[in-house]
Amino acid sequence: MKNKTIRIIVILAIIVVILDQVSKIVIGNLFQETWGNDYFKIEITTNTGMAFGFNDGNIKNIFLTIVVLAMIISFIKRQVEQIDTKTAVSLGMILGGGFGNLIDRFFRNGVFDFIKIFKFPNFNVADIFVVTGWILLVAFLAIFTKKCND
């Protein structure tokens, strides 16, 4: 079980990083100007902050990202025997998205965001996986906790 869990997390994280980085390269090469309408557009921005631009321009954001990723990896290492497949998938999504954006912080001096929906702040493929992974993780933990209490 331990090897299967780690394999799921690592493979999914690698797939997410590849999808994220390829999407950023393709969009960066295809679009120099904003394209779309008020509901959906491709609009390239660089986010030097955390989620939604919070803490914009702070170099400590790289450190904070590394700390969060290290905490998740530490959790996985300590709890690997108890992690089921669904939880492994959500953790792989979170780690992959986190590493995708961390790569941007190191090599682009900020996170490359390009998806704009309505008035919501710009985001990217890594962000989609991070948010979806956290939502799934919370849902799985809520279901597991409910089952344990029944």
C-alpha atoms as a PDB file:
ATOM      1  CA  MET A   1       0.000   0.000   0.000  1.00  0.00           C
ATOM      2  CA  LYS A   2       2.820   2.418   0.890  1.00  0.00           C
ATOM      3  CA  ASN A   3       4.532   2.185  -2.511  1.00  0.00           C
ATOM      4  CA  LYS A   4       1.215   2.416  -4.379  1.00  0.00           C
ATOM      5  CA  THR A   5       0.243   5.547  -2.449  1.00  0.00           C
ATOM      6  CA  ILE A   6       3.561   7.278  -3.052  1.00  0.00           C
ATOM      7  CA  ARG A   7       3.481   6.259  -6.716  1.00  0.00           C
ATOM      8  CA  ILE A   8       0.001   7.798  -7.157  1.00  0.00           C
ATOM      9  CA  ILE A   9       1.031  11.044  -5.481  1.00  0.00           C
ATOM     10  CA  VAL A  10       4.309  11.398  -7.395  1.00  0.00           C
ATOM     11  CA  ILE A  11       2.916  10.454 -10.820  1.00  0.00           C
ATOM     12  CA  LEU A  12      -0.081  12.750 -10.464  1.00  0.00           C
ATOM     13  CA  ALA A  13       2.096  15.611  -9.197  1.00  0.00           C
ATOM     14  CA  ILE A  14       4.423  15.198 -12.201  1.00  0.00           C
ATOM     15  CA  ILE A  15       1.462  15.139 -14.616  1.00  0.00           C
ATOM     16  CA  VAL A  16       0.050  18.310 -13.037  1.00  0.00           C
ATOM     17  CA  VAL A  17       3.415  20.109 -13.264  1.00  0.00           C
ATOM     18  CA  ILE A  18       3.757  19.110 -16.927  1.00  0.00           C
ATOM     19  CA  LEU A  19       0.186  20.217 -17.799  1.00  0.00           C
ATOM     20  CA  ASP A  20       0.704  23.483 -15.952  1.00  0.00           C
ATOM     21  CA  GLN A  21       4.076  24.340 -17.463  1.00  0.00           C
ATOM     22  CA  VAL A  22       3.059  23.312 -20.999  1.00  0.00           C
ATOM     23  CA  SER A  23      -0.112  25.437 -20.745  1.00  0.00           C
ATOM     24  CA  LYS A  24       1.953  28.447 -19.650  1.00  0.00           C
ATOM     25  CA  ILE A  25       4.446  27.989 -22.487  1.00  0.00           C
ATOM     26  CA  VAL A  26       1.705  27.583 -25.098  1.00  0.00           C
ATOM     27  CA  ILE A  27      -0.342  30.540 -23.864  1.00  0.00           C
ATOM     28  CA  GLY A  28       2.787  32.691 -23.505  1.00  0.00           C
ATOM     29  CA  ASN A  29       3.761  31.930 -27.108  1.00  0.00           C
ATOM     30  CA  LEU A  30       0.282  32.271 -28.642  1.00  0.00           C
ATOM     31  CA  PHE A  31      -1.091  35.334 -26.871  1.00  0.00           C
ATOM     32  CA  GLN A  32       0.620  38.680 -26.527  1.00  0.00           C
ATOM     33  CA  GLU A  33      -2.636  40.544 -26.043  1.00  0.00           C
ATOM     34  CA  THR A  34      -5.805  39.916 -24.087  1.00  0.00           C
ATOM     35  CA  TRP A  35      -8.278  37.720 -25.942  1.00  0.00           C
ATOM     36  CA  GLY A  36     -11.901  37.002 -25.036  1.00  0.00           C
ATOM     37  CA  ASN A  37     -14.879  38.787 -23.527  1.00  0.00           C
ATOM     38  CA  ASP A  38     -16.224  39.937 -20.146  1.00  0.00           C
ATOM     39  CA  TYR A  39     -17.102  36.367 -19.118  1.00  0.00           C
ATOM     40  CA  PHE A  40     -13.957  34.496 -20.136  1.00  0.00           C
ATOM     41  CA  LYS A  41     -10.670  35.770 -21.445  1.00  0.00           C
ATOM     42  CA  ILE A  42      -7.018  34.946 -21.796  1.00  0.00           C
ATOM     43  CA  GLU A  43      -5.253  37.748 -19.941  1.00  0.00           C
ATOM     44  CA  ILE A  44      -1.610  37.234 -19.043  1.00  0.00           C
ATOM     45  CA  THR A  45      -0.515  38.577 -15.665  1.00  0.00           C
ATOM     46  CA  THR A  46       2.329  37.868 -13.274  1.00  0.00           C
ATOM     47  CA  ASN A  47       1.297  37.298  -9.675  1.00  0.00           C
ATOM     48  CA  THR A  48       4.100  38.009  -7.229  1.00  0.00           C
ATOM     49  CA  GLY A  49       1.739  37.470  -4.306  1.00  0.00           C
ATOM     50  CA  MET A  50       0.058  34.404  -2.905  1.00  0.00           C
ATOM     51  CA  ALA A  51      -3.520  33.353  -3.730  1.00  0.00           C
ATOM     52  CA  PHE A  52      -5.531  36.194  -5.314  1.00  0.00           C
ATOM     53  CA  GLY A  53      -2.465  38.460  -5.213  1.00  0.00           C
ATOM     54  CA  PHE A  54      -2.406  38.573  -1.403  1.00  0.00           C
ATOM     55  CA  ASN A  55       0.979  39.707  -0.070  1.00  0.00           C
ATOM     56  CA  ASP A  56       1.940  40.994  -3.521  1.00  0.00           C
ATOM     57  CA  GLY A  57       5.612  41.603  -4.212  1.00  0.00           C
ATOM     58  CA  ASN A  58       6.906  39.907  -1.069  1.00  0.00           C
ATOM     59  CA  ILE A  59       9.999  37.739  -1.686  1.00  0.00           C
ATOM     60  CA  LYS A  60       8.973  35.706   1.374  1.00  0.00           C
ATOM     61  CA  ASN A  61       6.224  34.128  -0.772  1.00  0.00           C
ATOM     62  CA  ILE A  62       8.785  31.685  -2.170  1.00  0.00           C
ATOM     63  CA  PHE A  63       9.713  30.701   1.378  1.00  0.00           C
ATOM     64  CA  LEU A  64       6.042  30.346   2.396  1.00  0.00           C
ATOM     65  CA  THR A  65       5.342  28.145  -0.630  1.00  0.00           C
ATOM     66  CA  ILE A  66       8.298  25.899   0.197  1.00  0.00           C
ATOM     67  CA  VAL A  67       7.184  25.643   3.851  1.00  0.00           C
ATOM     68  CA  VAL A  68       3.639  24.614   2.879  1.00  0.00           C
ATOM     69  CA  LEU A  69       4.915  22.036   0.359  1.00  0.00           C
ATOM     70  CA  ALA A  70       7.389  20.687   2.952  1.00  0.00           C
ATOM     71  CA  MET A  71       4.580  20.351   5.512  1.00  0.00           C
ATOM     72  CA  ILE A  72       2.444  18.390   3.047  1.00  0.00           C
ATOM     73  CA  ILE A  73       5.374  16.119   2.147  1.00  0.00           C
ATOM     74  CA  SER A  74       6.108  15.600   5.850  1.00  0.00           C
ATOM     75  CA  PHE A  75       2.463  14.686   6.451  1.00  0.00           C
ATOM     76  CA  ILE A  76       2.565  12.185   3.596  1.00  0.00           C
ATOM     77  CA  LYS A  77       5.775  10.646   4.917  1.00  0.00           C
ATOM     78  CA  ARG A  78       4.340  10.206   8.431  1.00  0.00           C
ATOM     79  CA  GLN A  79       0.854   9.075   7.378  1.00  0.00           C
ATOM     80  CA  VAL A  80       1.538   7.127   4.177  1.00  0.00           C
ATOM     81  CA  GLU A  81       0.140   3.873   5.623  1.00  0.00           C
ATOM     82  CA  GLN A  82      -3.225   5.544   6.347  1.00  0.00           C
ATOM     83  CA  ILE A  83      -3.587   7.448   3.057  1.00  0.00           C
ATOM     84  CA  ASP A  84      -6.193   5.912   0.763  1.00  0.00           C
ATOM     85  CA  THR A  85      -6.267   6.297  -3.026  1.00  0.00           C
ATOM     86  CA  LYS A  86      -8.711   9.228  -3.047  1.00  0.00           C
ATOM     87  CA  THR A  87      -6.624  11.154  -0.554  1.00  0.00           C
ATOM     88  CA  ALA A  88      -3.450  10.327  -2.520  1.00  0.00           C
ATOM     89  CA  VAL A  89      -5.048  11.790  -5.651  1.00  0.00           C
ATOM     90  CA  SER A  90      -5.997  15.005  -3.860  1.00  0.00           C
ATOM     91  CA  LEU A  91      -2.495  15.306  -2.346  1.00  0.00           C
ATOM     92  CA  GLY A  92      -0.905  14.719  -5.765  1.00  0.00           C
ATOM     93  CA  MET A  93      -3.039  17.497  -7.229  1.00  0.00           C
ATOM     94  CA  ILE A  94      -2.097  19.915  -4.433  1.00  0.00           C
ATOM     95  CA  LEU A  95       1.618  19.120  -4.634  1.00  0.00           C
ATOM     96  CA  GLY A  96       1.697  19.252  -8.439  1.00  0.00           C
ATOM     97  CA  GLY A  97      -0.028  22.631  -8.511  1.00  0.00           C
ATOM     98  CA  GLY A  98       2.178  23.943  -5.732  1.00  0.00           C
ATOM     99  CA  PHE A  99       5.357  22.849  -7.484  1.00  0.00           C
ATOM    100  CA  GLY A 100       4.088  24.235 -10.814  1.00  0.00           C
ATOM    101  CA  ASN A 101       3.665  27.672  -9.274  1.00  0.00           C
ATOM    102  CA  LEU A 102       6.936  27.362  -7.349  1.00  0.00           C
ATOM    103  CA  ILE A 103       8.744  26.776 -10.654  1.00  0.00           C
ATOM    104  CA  ASP A 104       7.245  30.065 -11.881  1.00  0.00           C
ATOM    105  CA  ARG A 105       8.417  31.903  -8.772  1.00  0.00           C
ATOM    106  CA  PHE A 106      11.987  30.753  -9.386  1.00  0.00           C
ATOM    107  CA  PHE A 107      12.171  31.074 -13.170  1.00  0.00           C
ATOM    108  CA  ARG A 108       9.609  33.792 -13.995  1.00  0.00           C
ATOM    109  CA  ASN A 109       9.894  35.931 -10.833  1.00  0.00           C
ATOM    110  CA  GLY A 110       6.178  35.423 -10.217  1.00  0.00           C
ATOM    111  CA  VAL A 111       3.343  33.091 -11.060  1.00  0.00           C
ATOM    112  CA  PHE A 112       2.184  33.173 -14.704  1.00  0.00           C
ATOM    113  CA  ASP A 113      -1.615  33.545 -14.596  1.00  0.00           C
ATOM    114  CA  PHE A 114      -3.710  33.700 -17.741  1.00  0.00           C
ATOM    115  CA  ILE A 115      -7.291  32.534 -17.158  1.00  0.00           C
ATOM    116  CA  LYS A 116      -9.804  35.262 -16.362  1.00  0.00           C
ATOM    117  CA  ILE A 117     -13.439  34.405 -15.616  1.00  0.00           C
ATOM    118  CA  PHE A 118     -15.852  37.254 -14.847  1.00  0.00           C
ATOM    119  CA  LYS A 119     -14.306  39.561 -12.217  1.00  0.00           C
ATOM    120  CA  PHE A 120     -12.462  36.719 -10.453  1.00  0.00           C
ATOM    121  CA  PRO A 121      -8.676  37.211 -10.141  1.00  0.00           C
ATOM    122  CA  ASN A 122      -6.575  35.623 -12.898  1.00  0.00           C
ATOM    123  CA  PHE A 123      -5.433  32.051 -12.326  1.00  0.00           C
ATOM    124  CA  ASN A 124      -3.729  29.144 -14.104  1.00  0.00           C
ATOM    125  CA  VAL A 125      -3.850  25.354 -14.469  1.00  0.00           C
ATOM    126  CA  ALA A 126      -1.782  24.807 -11.297  1.00  0.00           C
ATOM    127  CA  ASP A 127      -4.271  26.902  -9.324  1.00  0.00           C
ATOM    128  CA  ILE A 128      -7.157  24.786 -10.624  1.00  0.00           C
ATOM    129  CA  PHE A 129      -5.444  21.630  -9.367  1.00  0.00           C
ATOM    130  CA  VAL A 130      -4.494  23.147  -5.992  1.00  0.00           C
ATOM    131  CA  VAL A 131      -8.034  24.377  -5.297  1.00  0.00           C
ATOM    132  CA  THR A 132      -9.671  21.182  -6.560  1.00  0.00           C
ATOM    133  CA  GLY A 133      -7.210  19.071  -4.553  1.00  0.00           C
ATOM    134  CA  TRP A 134      -7.940  20.968  -1.328  1.00  0.00           C
ATOM    135  CA  ILE A 135     -11.714  20.781  -1.885  1.00  0.00           C
ATOM    136  CA  LEU A 136     -11.483  17.021  -2.477  1.00  0.00           C
ATOM    137  CA  LEU A 137      -9.194  16.526   0.524  1.00  0.00           C
ATOM    138  CA  VAL A 138     -11.588  18.376   2.841  1.00  0.00           C
ATOM    139  CA  ALA A 139     -14.560  16.472   1.410  1.00  0.00           C
ATOM    140  CA  PHE A 140     -12.826  13.104   1.825  1.00  0.00           C
ATOM    141  CA  LEU A 141     -11.797  13.952   5.387  1.00  0.00           C
ATOM    142  CA  ALA A 142     -15.331  15.109   6.211  1.00  0.00           C
ATOM    143  CA  ILE A 143     -16.806  11.880   4.837  1.00  0.00           C
ATOM    144  CA  PHE A 144     -14.191   9.755   6.631  1.00  0.00           C
ATOM    145  CA  THR A 145     -14.768  11.606   9.909  1.00  0.00           C
ATOM    146  CA  LYS A 146     -18.531  11.186   9.574  1.00  0.00           C
ATOM    147  CA  LYS A 147     -18.129   7.439   8.918  1.00  0.00           C
ATOM    148  CA  CYS A 148     -15.839   7.073  11.951  1.00  0.00           C
ATOM    149  CA  ASN A 149     -18.376   8.862  14.179  1.00  0.00           C
ATOM    150  CA  ASP A 150     -21.353   6.760  13.005  1.00  0.00           C
END
